[in-house]
């Protein structure tokens, strides 16, 4: 479940970067074989960055004493999508993990942009 959310977040981030790049420059409609190969290599590199980030996020969550499923439950609680409750200890662990994850996500986005360039 967490992997799907991380993957979805990464894809959305990638799409946002691509849309921003398209707005900043004229989009070509015909690409050479070399351009296509460059795109494929960049896409593979970005996929590796996303996979590394997924592992890192999972480790952050677990290092803060939570399981990925429980972390996702607390996300739902925070978003008002669950009537469940989290203990003060869980919230403390969640907040610590969430801060580190936000930093990791920012670093991941920068790495993805670098790979795209």
PDB file of N, CA and C in Angstrom:
ATOM      1  N   UNK A   1       0.831  -1.190   0.000  1.00  0.00           N
ATOM      2  CA  UNK A   1       0.000   0.000   0.000  1.00  0.00           C
ATOM      3  C   UNK A   1       0.873   1.250   0.000  1.00  0.00           C
ATOM      4  N   UNK A   2       1.871   1.286   0.895  1.00  0.00           N
ATOM      5  CA  UNK A   2       2.761   2.437   0.960  1.00  0.00           C
ATOM      6  C   UNK A   2       3.539   2.583  -0.339  1.00  0.00           C
ATOM      7  N   UNK A   3       3.944   1.443  -0.900  1.00  0.00           N
ATOM      8  CA  UNK A   3       4.688   1.491  -2.141  1.00  0.00           C
ATOM      9  C   UNK A   3       3.849   2.134  -3.235  1.00  0.00           C
ATOM     10  N   UNK A   4       2.557   1.805  -3.253  1.00  0.00           N
ATOM     11  CA  UNK A   4       1.670   2.394  -4.255  1.00  0.00           C
ATOM     12  C   UNK A   4       1.552   3.895  -4.041  1.00  0.00           C
ATOM     13  N   UNK A   5       1.444   4.322  -2.785  1.00  0.00           N
ATOM     14  CA  UNK A   5       1.329   5.761  -2.510  1.00  0.00           C
ATOM     15  C   UNK A   5       2.619   6.484  -2.852  1.00  0.00           C
ATOM     16  N   UNK A   6       3.753   5.873  -2.495  1.00  0.00           N
ATOM     17  CA  UNK A   6       5.033   6.490  -2.816  1.00  0.00           C
ATOM     18  C   UNK A   6       5.193   6.575  -4.319  1.00  0.00           C
ATOM     19  N   UNK A   7       4.861   5.489  -5.021  1.00  0.00           N
ATOM     20  CA  UNK A   7       4.973   5.464  -6.468  1.00  0.00           C
ATOM     21  C   UNK A   7       4.052   6.524  -7.082  1.00  0.00           C
ATOM     22  N   UNK A   8       2.832   6.597  -6.584  1.00  0.00           N
ATOM     23  CA  UNK A   8       1.879   7.580  -7.115  1.00  0.00           C
ATOM     24  C   UNK A   8       2.388   8.996  -6.880  1.00  0.00           C
ATOM     25  N   UNK A   9       2.946   9.241  -5.694  1.00  0.00           N
ATOM     26  CA  UNK A   9       3.498  10.560  -5.388  1.00  0.00           C
ATOM     27  C   UNK A   9       4.667  10.885  -6.310  1.00  0.00           C
ATOM     28  N   UNK A  10       5.518   9.899  -6.520  1.00  0.00           N
ATOM     29  CA  UNK A  10       6.668  10.104  -7.391  1.00  0.00           C
ATOM     30  C   UNK A  10       6.218  10.391  -8.818  1.00  0.00           C
ATOM     31  N   UNK A  11       5.230   9.648  -9.294  1.00  0.00           N
ATOM     32  CA  UNK A  11       4.717   9.864 -10.651  1.00  0.00           C
ATOM     33  C   UNK A  11       4.107  11.255 -10.769  1.00  0.00           C
ATOM     34  N   UNK A  12       3.351  11.660  -9.754  1.00  0.00           N
ATOM     35  CA  UNK A  12       2.741  12.989  -9.786  1.00  0.00           C
ATOM     36  C   UNK A  12       3.819  14.063  -9.783  1.00  0.00           C
ATOM     37  N   UNK A  13       4.870  13.855  -8.997  1.00  0.00           N
ATOM     38  CA  UNK A  13       5.972  14.809  -8.965  1.00  0.00           C
ATOM     39  C   UNK A  13       6.643  14.891 -10.330  1.00  0.00           C
ATOM     40  N   UNK A  14       6.873  13.740 -10.928  1.00  0.00           N
ATOM     41  CA  UNK A  14       7.499  13.697 -12.245  1.00  0.00           C
ATOM     42  C   UNK A  14       6.628  14.411 -13.268  1.00  0.00           C
ATOM     43  N   UNK A  15       5.341  14.171 -13.219  1.00  0.00           N
ATOM     44  CA  UNK A  15       4.423  14.836 -14.157  1.00  0.00           C
ATOM     45  C   UNK A  15       4.452  16.347 -13.967  1.00  0.00           C
ATOM     46  N   UNK A  16       4.505  16.786 -12.714  1.00  0.00           N
ATOM     47  CA  UNK A  16       4.557  18.223 -12.440  1.00  0.00           C
ATOM     48  C   UNK A  16       5.828  18.833 -13.024  1.00  0.00           C
ATOM     49  N   UNK A  17       6.940  18.137 -12.853  1.00  0.00           N
ATOM     50  CA  UNK A  17       8.208  18.625 -13.393  1.00  0.00           C
ATOM     51  C   UNK A  17       8.139  18.682 -14.911  1.00  0.00           C
ATOM     52  N   UNK A  18       7.590  17.649 -15.519  1.00  0.00           N
ATOM     53  CA  UNK A  18       7.487  17.608 -16.981  1.00  0.00           C
ATOM     54  C   UNK A  18       6.588  18.735 -17.488  1.00  0.00           C
ATOM     55  N   UNK A  19       5.449  18.923 -16.824  1.00  0.00           N
ATOM     56  CA  UNK A  19       4.543  19.997 -17.243  1.00  0.00           C
ATOM     57  C   UNK A  19       5.199  21.360 -17.098  1.00  0.00           C
ATOM     58  N   UNK A  20       5.941  21.555 -16.014  1.00  0.00           N
ATOM     59  CA  UNK A  20       6.633  22.819 -15.809  1.00  0.00           C
ATOM     60  C   UNK A  20       7.653  23.035 -16.918  1.00  0.00           C
ATOM     61  N   UNK A  21       8.412  21.983 -17.235  1.00  0.00           N
ATOM     62  CA  UNK A  21       9.427  22.085 -18.285  1.00  0.00           C
ATOM     63  C   UNK A  21       8.783  22.404 -19.630  1.00  0.00           C
ATOM     64  N   UNK A  22       7.637  21.801 -19.896  1.00  0.00           N
ATOM     65  CA  UNK A  22       6.956  22.046 -21.162  1.00  0.00           C
ATOM     66  C   UNK A  22       6.473  23.491 -21.248  1.00  0.00           C
ATOM     67  N   UNK A  23       6.059  24.037 -20.143  1.00  0.00           N
ATOM     68  CA  UNK A  23       5.595  25.419 -20.143  1.00  0.00           C
ATOM     69  C   UNK A  23       6.755  26.394 -20.347  1.00  0.00           C
ATOM     70  N   UNK A  24       7.942  25.975 -19.951  1.00  0.00           N
ATOM     71  CA  UNK A  24       9.092  26.851 -20.027  1.00  0.00           C
ATOM     72  C   UNK A  24       9.738  26.888 -21.413  1.00  0.00           C
ATOM     73  N   UNK A  25       9.471  25.894 -22.212  1.00  0.00           N
ATOM     74  CA  UNK A  25      10.076  25.858 -23.527  1.00  0.00           C
ATOM     75  C   UNK A  25       9.118  25.237 -24.533  1.00  0.00           C
ATOM     76  N   UNK A  26       9.364  25.551 -25.779  1.00  0.00           N
ATOM     77  CA  UNK A  26       8.529  25.014 -26.842  1.00  0.00           C
ATOM     78  C   UNK A  26       8.727  23.500 -26.915  1.00  0.00           C
ATOM     79  N   UNK A  27       7.645  22.788 -27.070  1.00  0.00           N
ATOM     80  CA  UNK A  27       7.694  21.333 -27.104  1.00  0.00           C
ATOM     81  C   UNK A  27       7.840  20.870 -28.548  1.00  0.00           C
ATOM     82  N   UNK A  28       8.868  20.055 -28.780  1.00  0.00           N
ATOM     83  CA  UNK A  28       9.085  19.506 -30.118  1.00  0.00           C
ATOM     84  C   UNK A  28       8.103  18.366 -30.355  1.00  0.00           C
ATOM     85  N   UNK A  29       7.806  18.125 -31.615  1.00  0.00           N
ATOM     86  CA  UNK A  29       6.886  17.037 -31.942  1.00  0.00           C
ATOM     87  C   UNK A  29       7.561  15.891 -32.688  1.00  0.00           C
ATOM     88  N   UNK A  30       8.760  16.131 -33.171  1.00  0.00           N
ATOM     89  CA  UNK A  30       9.473  15.048 -33.846  1.00  0.00           C
ATOM     90  C   UNK A  30      10.831  14.881 -33.158  1.00  0.00           C
ATOM     91  N   UNK A  31      11.135  13.645 -32.799  1.00  0.00           N
ATOM     92  CA  UNK A  31      12.345  13.360 -32.043  1.00  0.00           C
ATOM     93  C   UNK A  31      13.221  12.388 -32.825  1.00  0.00           C
ATOM     94  N   UNK A  32      14.504  12.570 -32.711  1.00  0.00           N
ATOM     95  CA  UNK A  32      15.452  11.660 -33.356  1.00  0.00           C
ATOM     96  C   UNK A  32      15.580  10.386 -32.522  1.00  0.00           C
ATOM     97  N   UNK A  33      16.179   9.376 -33.119  1.00  0.00           N
ATOM     98  CA  UNK A  33      16.431   8.139 -32.377  1.00  0.00           C
ATOM     99  C   UNK A  33      17.312   8.412 -31.171  1.00  0.00           C
ATOM    100  N   UNK A  34      18.266   9.299 -31.336  1.00  0.00           N
ATOM    101  CA  UNK A  34      19.157   9.651 -30.219  1.00  0.00           C
ATOM    102  C   UNK A  34      18.367  10.306 -29.085  1.00  0.00           C
ATOM    103  N   UNK A  35      17.432  11.193 -29.446  1.00  0.00           N
ATOM    104  CA  UNK A  35      16.584  11.826 -28.437  1.00  0.00           C
ATOM    105  C   UNK A  35      15.757  10.778 -27.694  1.00  0.00           C
ATOM    106  N   UNK A  36      15.200   9.847 -28.448  1.00  0.00           N
ATOM    107  CA  UNK A  36      14.398   8.789 -27.830  1.00  0.00           C
ATOM    108  C   UNK A  36      15.235   7.927 -26.899  1.00  0.00           C
ATOM    109  N   UNK A  37      16.447   7.590 -27.317  1.00  0.00           N
ATOM    110  CA  UNK A  37      17.329   6.792 -26.467  1.00  0.00           C
ATOM    111  C   UNK A  37      17.716   7.562 -25.202  1.00  0.00           C
ATOM    112  N   UNK A  38      17.956   8.835 -25.355  1.00  0.00           N
ATOM    113  CA  UNK A  38      18.285   9.676 -24.198  1.00  0.00           C
ATOM    114  C   UNK A  38      17.116   9.700 -23.223  1.00  0.00           C
ATOM    115  N   UNK A  39      15.908   9.819 -23.755  1.00  0.00           N
ATOM    116  CA  UNK A  39      14.719   9.820 -22.907  1.00  0.00           C
ATOM    117  C   UNK A  39      14.578   8.496 -22.160  1.00  0.00           C
ATOM    118  N   UNK A  40      14.774   7.398 -22.848  1.00  0.00           N
ATOM    119  CA  UNK A  40      14.645   6.079 -22.223  1.00  0.00           C
ATOM    120  C   UNK A  40      15.673   5.934 -21.101  1.00  0.00           C
ATOM    121  N   UNK A  41      16.923   6.345 -21.357  1.00  0.00           N
ATOM    122  CA  UNK A  41      17.959   6.256 -20.319  1.00  0.00           C
ATOM    123  C   UNK A  41      17.580   7.113 -19.114  1.00  0.00           C
ATOM    124  N   UNK A  42      17.102   8.321 -19.374  1.00  0.00           N
ATOM    125  CA  UNK A  42      16.702   9.207 -18.271  1.00  0.00           C
ATOM    126  C   UNK A  42      15.544   8.602 -17.491  1.00  0.00           C
ATOM    127  N   UNK A  43      14.599   8.013 -18.206  1.00  0.00           N
ATOM    128  CA  UNK A  43      13.451   7.388 -17.558  1.00  0.00           C
ATOM    129  C   UNK A  43      13.900   6.228 -16.664  1.00  0.00           C
ATOM    130  N   UNK A  44      14.835   5.427 -17.144  1.00  0.00           N
ATOM    131  CA  UNK A  44      15.367   4.324 -16.338  1.00  0.00           C
ATOM    132  C   UNK A  44      16.092   4.851 -15.101  1.00  0.00           C
ATOM    133  N   UNK A  45      16.853   5.925 -15.286  1.00  0.00           N
ATOM    134  CA  UNK A  45      17.553   6.535 -14.154  1.00  0.00           C
ATOM    135  C   UNK A  45      16.564   7.079 -13.124  1.00  0.00           C
ATOM    136  N   UNK A  46      15.502   7.693 -13.604  1.00  0.00           N
ATOM    137  CA  UNK A  46      14.480   8.239 -12.704  1.00  0.00           C
ATOM    138  C   UNK A  46      13.795   7.111 -11.944  1.00  0.00           C
ATOM    139  N   UNK A  47      13.538   6.010 -12.629  1.00  0.00           N
ATOM    140  CA  UNK A  47      12.922   4.858 -11.971  1.00  0.00           C
ATOM    141  C   UNK A  47      13.811   4.342 -10.843  1.00  0.00           C
ATOM    142  N   UNK A  48      15.107   4.295 -11.079  1.00  0.00           N
ATOM    143  CA  UNK A  48      16.046   3.867 -10.030  1.00  0.00           C
ATOM    144  C   UNK A  48      16.006   4.828  -8.840  1.00  0.00           C
ATOM    145  N   UNK A  49      15.965   6.118  -9.123  1.00  0.00           N
ATOM    146  CA  UNK A  49      15.889   7.119  -8.049  1.00  0.00           C
ATOM    147  C   UNK A  49      14.614   6.901  -7.237  1.00  0.00           C
ATOM    148  N   UNK A  50      13.502   6.655  -7.915  1.00  0.00           N
ATOM    149  CA  UNK A  50      12.228   6.423  -7.229  1.00  0.00           C
ATOM    150  C   UNK A  50      12.282   5.168  -6.369  1.00  0.00           C
ATOM    151  N   UNK A  51      12.892   4.119  -6.875  1.00  0.00           N
ATOM    152  CA  UNK A  51      12.994   2.875  -6.111  1.00  0.00           C
ATOM    153  C   UNK A  51      13.870   3.058  -4.870  1.00  0.00           C
ATOM    154  N   UNK A  52      14.956   3.791  -5.017  1.00  0.00           N
ATOM    155  CA  UNK A  52      15.824   4.070  -3.875  1.00  0.00           C
ATOM    156  C   UNK A  52      15.072   4.899  -2.830  1.00  0.00           C
ATOM    157  N   UNK A  53      14.311   5.868  -3.298  1.00  0.00           N
ATOM    158  CA  UNK A  53      13.551   6.723  -2.389  1.00  0.00           C
ATOM    159  C   UNK A  53      12.496   5.910  -1.647  1.00  0.00           C
ATOM    160  N   UNK A  54      11.866   4.991  -2.338  1.00  0.00           N
ATOM    161  CA  UNK A  54      10.854   4.132  -1.723  1.00  0.00           C
ATOM    162  C   UNK A  54      11.467   3.323  -0.586  1.00  0.00           C
ATOM    163  N   UNK A  55      12.627   2.762  -0.830  1.00  0.00           N
ATOM    164  CA  UNK A  55      13.324   1.996   0.216  1.00  0.00           C
ATOM    165  C   UNK A  55      13.697   2.898   1.386  1.00  0.00           C
ATOM    166  N   UNK A  56      14.174   4.085   1.082  1.00  0.00           N
ATOM    167  CA  UNK A  56      14.579   5.021   2.129  1.00  0.00           C
ATOM    168  C   UNK A  56      13.388   5.453   2.979  1.00  0.00           C
ATOM    169  N   UNK A  57      12.265   5.723   2.349  1.00  0.00           N
ATOM    170  CA  UNK A  57      11.062   6.126   3.082  1.00  0.00           C
ATOM    171  C   UNK A  57      10.587   4.996   3.990  1.00  0.00           C
ATOM    172  N   UNK A  58      10.603   3.782   3.482  1.00  0.00           N
ATOM    173  CA  UNK A  58      10.208   2.634   4.299  1.00  0.00           C
ATOM    174  C   UNK A  58      11.119   2.514   5.510  1.00  0.00           C
ATOM    175  N   UNK A  59      12.415   2.679   5.295  1.00  0.00           N
ATOM    176  CA  UNK A  59      13.376   2.604   6.397  1.00  0.00           C
ATOM    177  C   UNK A  59      13.135   3.718   7.415  1.00  0.00           C
ATOM    178  N   UNK A  60      12.865   4.917   6.949  1.00  0.00           N
ATOM    179  CA  UNK A  60      12.585   6.044   7.850  1.00  0.00           C
ATOM    180  C   UNK A  60      11.391   5.720   8.737  1.00  0.00           C
ATOM    181  N   UNK A  61      10.339   5.216   8.132  1.00  0.00           N
ATOM    182  CA  UNK A  61       9.128   4.886   8.888  1.00  0.00           C
ATOM    183  C   UNK A  61       9.439   3.829   9.944  1.00  0.00           C
ATOM    184  N   UNK A  62      10.113   2.777   9.522  1.00  0.00           N
ATOM    185  CA  UNK A  62      10.423   1.685  10.450  1.00  0.00           C
ATOM    186  C   UNK A  62      11.420   2.117  11.527  1.00  0.00           C
ATOM    187  N   UNK A  63      12.383   2.970  11.172  1.00  0.00           N
ATOM    188  CA  UNK A  63      13.354   3.470  12.150  1.00  0.00           C
ATOM    189  C   UNK A  63      12.688   4.342  13.215  1.00  0.00           C
ATOM    190  N   UNK A  64      11.509   4.861  12.894  1.00  0.00           N
ATOM    191  CA  UNK A  64      10.761   5.674  13.849  1.00  0.00           C
ATOM    192  C   UNK A  64       9.710   4.858  14.587  1.00  0.00           C
ATOM    193  N   UNK A  65       9.832   3.553  14.527  1.00  0.00           N
ATOM    194  CA  UNK A  65       8.993   2.675  15.334  1.00  0.00           C
ATOM    195  C   UNK A  65       7.597   2.406  14.806  1.00  0.00           C
ATOM    196  N   UNK A  66       7.376   2.680  13.534  1.00  0.00           N
ATOM    197  CA  UNK A  66       6.059   2.430  12.947  1.00  0.00           C
ATOM    198  C   UNK A  66       6.182   1.418  11.813  1.00  0.00           C
ATOM    199  N   UNK A  67       5.097   0.763  11.531  1.00  0.00           N
ATOM    200  CA  UNK A  67       5.000  -0.070  10.342  1.00  0.00           C
ATOM    201  C   UNK A  67       4.389   0.797   9.245  1.00  0.00           C
ATOM    202  N   UNK A  68       4.693   0.466   8.016  1.00  0.00           N
ATOM    203  CA  UNK A  68       4.221   1.268   6.887  1.00  0.00           C
ATOM    204  C   UNK A  68       2.701   1.374   6.889  1.00  0.00           C
ATOM    205  N   UNK A  69       2.009   0.272   7.139  1.00  0.00           N
ATOM    206  CA  UNK A  69       0.547   0.306   7.150  1.00  0.00           C
ATOM    207  C   UNK A  69       0.017   1.252   8.228  1.00  0.00           C
ATOM    208  N   UNK A  70       0.655   1.239   9.405  1.00  0.00           N
ATOM    209  CA  UNK A  70       0.193   2.121  10.482  1.00  0.00           C
ATOM    210  C   UNK A  70       0.483   3.584  10.136  1.00  0.00           C
ATOM    211  N   UNK A  71       1.619   3.826   9.515  1.00  0.00           N
ATOM    212  CA  UNK A  71       1.939   5.179   9.068  1.00  0.00           C
ATOM    213  C   UNK A  71       0.845   5.679   8.126  1.00  0.00           C
ATOM    214  N   UNK A  72       0.439   4.828   7.188  1.00  0.00           N
ATOM    215  CA  UNK A  72      -0.625   5.201   6.249  1.00  0.00           C
ATOM    216  C   UNK A  72      -1.955   5.418   6.963  1.00  0.00           C
ATOM    217  N   UNK A  73      -2.218   4.607   8.002  1.00  0.00           N
ATOM    218  CA  UNK A  73      -3.432   4.813   8.801  1.00  0.00           C
ATOM    219  C   UNK A  73      -3.422   6.202   9.436  1.00  0.00           C
ATOM    220  N   UNK A  74      -2.267   6.590   9.963  1.00  0.00           N
ATOM    221  CA  UNK A  74      -2.161   7.899  10.620  1.00  0.00           C
ATOM    222  C   UNK A  74      -2.289   9.020   9.592  1.00  0.00           C
ATOM    223  N   UNK A  75      -1.782   8.803   8.387  1.00  0.00           N
ATOM    224  CA  UNK A  75      -1.982   9.786   7.314  1.00  0.00           C
ATOM    225  C   UNK A  75      -3.482   9.987   7.095  1.00  0.00           C
ATOM    226  N   UNK A  76      -4.229   8.889   7.025  1.00  0.00           N
ATOM    227  CA  UNK A  76      -5.681   8.972   6.827  1.00  0.00           C
ATOM    228  C   UNK A  76      -6.349   9.701   7.985  1.00  0.00           C
ATOM    229  N   UNK A  77      -5.887   9.441   9.203  1.00  0.00           N
ATOM    230  CA  UNK A  77      -6.429  10.131  10.377  1.00  0.00           C
ATOM    231  C   UNK A  77      -6.166  11.625  10.252  1.00  0.00           C
ATOM    232  N   UNK A  78      -4.937  11.986   9.900  1.00  0.00           N
ATOM    233  CA  UNK A  78      -4.557  13.398   9.764  1.00  0.00           C
ATOM    234  C   UNK A  78      -5.363  14.105   8.676  1.00  0.00           C
ATOM    235  N   UNK A  79      -5.739  13.363   7.653  1.00  0.00           N
ATOM    236  CA  UNK A  79      -6.495  13.947   6.542  1.00  0.00           C
ATOM    237  C   UNK A  79      -8.004  13.902   6.776  1.00  0.00           C
ATOM    238  N   UNK A  80      -8.403  13.409   7.942  1.00  0.00           N
ATOM    239  CA  UNK A  80      -9.822  13.339   8.260  1.00  0.00           C
ATOM    240  C   UNK A  80     -10.560  12.243   7.517  1.00  0.00           C
ATOM    241  N   UNK A  81      -9.831  11.262   7.018  1.00  0.00           N
ATOM    242  CA  UNK A  81     -10.449  10.183   6.253  1.00  0.00           C
ATOM    243  C   UNK A  81     -10.655   8.935   7.089  1.00  0.00           C
ATOM    244  N   UNK A  82     -10.363   9.036   8.386  1.00  0.00           N
ATOM    245  CA  UNK A  82     -10.521   7.886   9.276  1.00  0.00           C
ATOM    246  C   UNK A  82     -10.954   8.390  10.641  1.00  0.00           C
ATOM    247  N   UNK A  83     -11.854   7.638  11.264  1.00  0.00           N
ATOM    248  CA  UNK A  83     -12.311   7.978  12.609  1.00  0.00           C
ATOM    249  C   UNK A  83     -11.427   7.329  13.670  1.00  0.00           C
ATOM    250  N   UNK A  84     -10.466   6.565  13.225  1.00  0.00           N
ATOM    251  CA  UNK A  84      -9.533   5.900  14.120  1.00  0.00           C
ATOM    252  C   UNK A  84      -8.724   6.961  14.874  1.00  0.00           C
ATOM    253  N   UNK A  85      -8.040   6.550  15.917  1.00  0.00           N
ATOM    254  CA  UNK A  85      -7.196   7.478  16.662  1.00  0.00           C
ATOM    255  C   UNK A  85      -5.783   6.932  16.749  1.00  0.00           C
ATOM    256  N   UNK A  86      -4.848   7.839  16.940  1.00  0.00           N
ATOM    257  CA  UNK A  86      -3.452   7.466  17.121  1.00  0.00           C
ATOM    258  C   UNK A  86      -3.026   7.898  18.514  1.00  0.00           C
ATOM    259  N   UNK A  87      -2.185   7.086  19.129  1.00  0.00           N
ATOM    260  CA  UNK A  87      -1.690   7.416  20.468  1.00  0.00           C
ATOM    261  C   UNK A  87      -0.695   8.571  20.368  1.00  0.00           C
ATOM    262  N   UNK A  88      -0.457   9.261  21.491  1.00  0.00           N
ATOM    263  CA  UNK A  88       0.543  10.333  21.480  1.00  0.00           C
ATOM    264  C   UNK A  88       1.926   9.829  21.034  1.00  0.00           C
ATOM    265  N   UNK A  89       2.272   8.608  21.410  1.00  0.00           N
ATOM    266  CA  UNK A  89       3.559   8.048  21.005  1.00  0.00           C
ATOM    267  C   UNK A  89       3.606   7.834  19.498  1.00  0.00           C
ATOM    268  N   UNK A  90       2.495   7.327  18.953  1.00  0.00           N
ATOM    269  CA  UNK A  90       2.430   7.118  17.510  1.00  0.00           C
ATOM    270  C   UNK A  90       2.527   8.445  16.764  1.00  0.00           C
ATOM    271  N   UNK A  91       1.845   9.455  17.272  1.00  0.00           N
ATOM    272  CA  UNK A  91       1.889  10.766  16.618  1.00  0.00           C
ATOM    273  C   UNK A  91       3.289  11.357  16.650  1.00  0.00           C
ATOM    274  N   UNK A  92       3.983  11.152  17.764  1.00  0.00           N
ATOM    275  CA  UNK A  92       5.357  11.641  17.866  1.00  0.00           C
ATOM    276  C   UNK A  92       6.236  10.940  16.831  1.00  0.00           C
ATOM    277  N   UNK A  93       6.108   9.620  16.742  1.00  0.00           N
ATOM    278  CA  UNK A  93       6.876   8.847  15.752  1.00  0.00           C
ATOM    279  C   UNK A  93       6.492   9.252  14.332  1.00  0.00           C
ATOM    280  N   UNK A  94       5.192   9.419  14.108  1.00  0.00           N
ATOM    281  CA  UNK A  94       4.697   9.814  12.798  1.00  0.00           C
ATOM    282  C   UNK A  94       5.277  11.164  12.379  1.00  0.00           C
ATOM    283  N   UNK A  95       5.221  12.140  13.282  1.00  0.00           N
ATOM    284  CA  UNK A  95       5.718  13.481  12.955  1.00  0.00           C
ATOM    285  C   UNK A  95       7.210  13.477  12.657  1.00  0.00           C
ATOM    286  N   UNK A  96       7.973  12.708  13.442  1.00  0.00           N
ATOM    287  CA  UNK A  96       9.418  12.611  13.191  1.00  0.00           C
ATOM    288  C   UNK A  96       9.683  11.994  11.825  1.00  0.00           C
ATOM    289  N   UNK A  97       8.968  10.920  11.522  1.00  0.00           N
ATOM    290  CA  UNK A  97       9.140  10.251  10.228  1.00  0.00           C
ATOM    291  C   UNK A  97       8.697  11.172   9.088  1.00  0.00           C
ATOM    292  N   UNK A  98       7.573  11.841   9.256  1.00  0.00           N
ATOM    293  CA  UNK A  98       7.040  12.702   8.195  1.00  0.00           C
ATOM    294  C   UNK A  98       8.017  13.832   7.852  1.00  0.00           C
ATOM    295  N   UNK A  99       8.660  14.401   8.859  1.00  0.00           N
ATOM    296  CA  UNK A  99       9.641  15.462   8.609  1.00  0.00           C
ATOM    297  C   UNK A  99      10.799  14.937   7.763  1.00  0.00           C
ATOM    298  N   UNK A 100      11.292  13.765   8.124  1.00  0.00           N
ATOM    299  CA  UNK A 100      12.408  13.181   7.370  1.00  0.00           C
ATOM    300  C   UNK A 100      11.971  12.795   5.957  1.00  0.00           C
ATOM    301  N   UNK A 101      10.749  12.320   5.839  1.00  0.00           N
ATOM    302  CA  UNK A 101      10.233  11.928   4.521  1.00  0.00           C
ATOM    303  C   UNK A 101      10.099  13.159   3.622  1.00  0.00           C
ATOM    304  N   UNK A 102       9.659  14.267   4.166  1.00  0.00           N
ATOM    305  CA  UNK A 102       9.539  15.494   3.362  1.00  0.00           C
ATOM    306  C   UNK A 102      10.903  15.909   2.823  1.00  0.00           C
ATOM    307  N   UNK A 103      11.918  15.821   3.654  1.00  0.00           N
ATOM    308  CA  UNK A 103      13.273  16.146   3.206  1.00  0.00           C
ATOM    309  C   UNK A 103      13.716  15.176   2.121  1.00  0.00           C
ATOM    310  N   UNK A 104      13.453  13.899   2.341  1.00  0.00           N
ATOM    311  CA  UNK A 104      13.806  12.877   1.355  1.00  0.00           C
ATOM    312  C   UNK A 104      13.083  13.125   0.040  1.00  0.00           C
ATOM    313  N   UNK A 105      11.807  13.485   0.101  1.00  0.00           N
ATOM    314  CA  UNK A 105      11.038  13.759  -1.121  1.00  0.00           C
ATOM    315  C   UNK A 105      11.614  14.938  -1.893  1.00  0.00           C
ATOM    316  N   UNK A 106      12.033  15.976  -1.176  1.00  0.00           N
ATOM    317  CA  UNK A 106      12.637  17.134  -1.842  1.00  0.00           C
ATOM    318  C   UNK A 106      13.935  16.736  -2.533  1.00  0.00           C
ATOM    319  N   UNK A 107      14.748  15.940  -1.842  1.00  0.00           N
ATOM    320  CA  UNK A 107      16.004  15.479  -2.437  1.00  0.00           C
ATOM    321  C   UNK A 107      15.730  14.586  -3.650  1.00  0.00           C
ATOM    322  N   UNK A 108      14.731  13.743  -3.527  1.00  0.00           N
ATOM    323  CA  UNK A 108      14.364  12.848  -4.629  1.00  0.00           C
ATOM    324  C   UNK A 108      13.914  13.651  -5.841  1.00  0.00           C
ATOM    325  N   UNK A 109      13.119  14.672  -5.618  1.00  0.00           N
ATOM    326  CA  UNK A 109      12.659  15.509  -6.738  1.00  0.00           C
ATOM    327  C   UNK A 109      13.834  16.186  -7.421  1.00  0.00           C
ATOM    328  N   UNK A 110      14.798  16.666  -6.635  1.00  0.00           N
ATOM    329  CA  UNK A 110      15.975  17.303  -7.234  1.00  0.00           C
ATOM    330  C   UNK A 110      16.780  16.294  -8.056  1.00  0.00           C
ATOM    331  N   UNK A 111      16.906  15.073  -7.540  1.00  0.00           N
ATOM    332  CA  UNK A 111      17.627  14.035  -8.286  1.00  0.00           C
ATOM    333  C   UNK A 111      16.896  13.699  -9.584  1.00  0.00           C
ATOM    334  N   UNK A 112      15.569  13.643  -9.525  1.00  0.00           N
ATOM    335  CA  UNK A 112      14.790  13.326 -10.723  1.00  0.00           C
ATOM    336  C   UNK A 112      14.931  14.413 -11.764  1.00  0.00           C
ATOM    337  N   UNK A 113      14.901  15.666 -11.333  1.00  0.00           N
ATOM    338  CA  UNK A 113      15.068  16.782 -12.265  1.00  0.00           C
ATOM    339  C   UNK A 113      16.446  16.716 -12.902  1.00  0.00           C
ATOM    340  N   UNK A 114      17.458  16.433 -12.094  1.00  0.00           N
ATOM    341  CA  UNK A 114      18.820  16.322 -12.622  1.00  0.00           C
ATOM    342  C   UNK A 114      18.920  15.224 -13.674  1.00  0.00           C
ATOM    343  N   UNK A 115      18.246  14.110 -13.433  1.00  0.00           N
ATOM    344  CA  UNK A 115      18.260  13.012 -14.404  1.00  0.00           C
ATOM    345  C   UNK A 115      17.540  13.422 -15.689  1.00  0.00           C
ATOM    346  N   UNK A 116      16.482  14.201 -15.549  1.00  0.00           N
ATOM    347  CA  UNK A 116      15.730  14.644 -16.736  1.00  0.00           C
ATOM    348  C   UNK A 116      16.550  15.616 -17.577  1.00  0.00           C
ATOM    349  N   UNK A 117      17.314  16.448 -16.906  1.00  0.00           N
ATOM    350  CA  UNK A 117      18.101  17.444 -17.638  1.00  0.00           C
ATOM    351  C   UNK A 117      19.203  16.766 -18.406  1.00  0.00           C
TER     352      UNK A 117
END
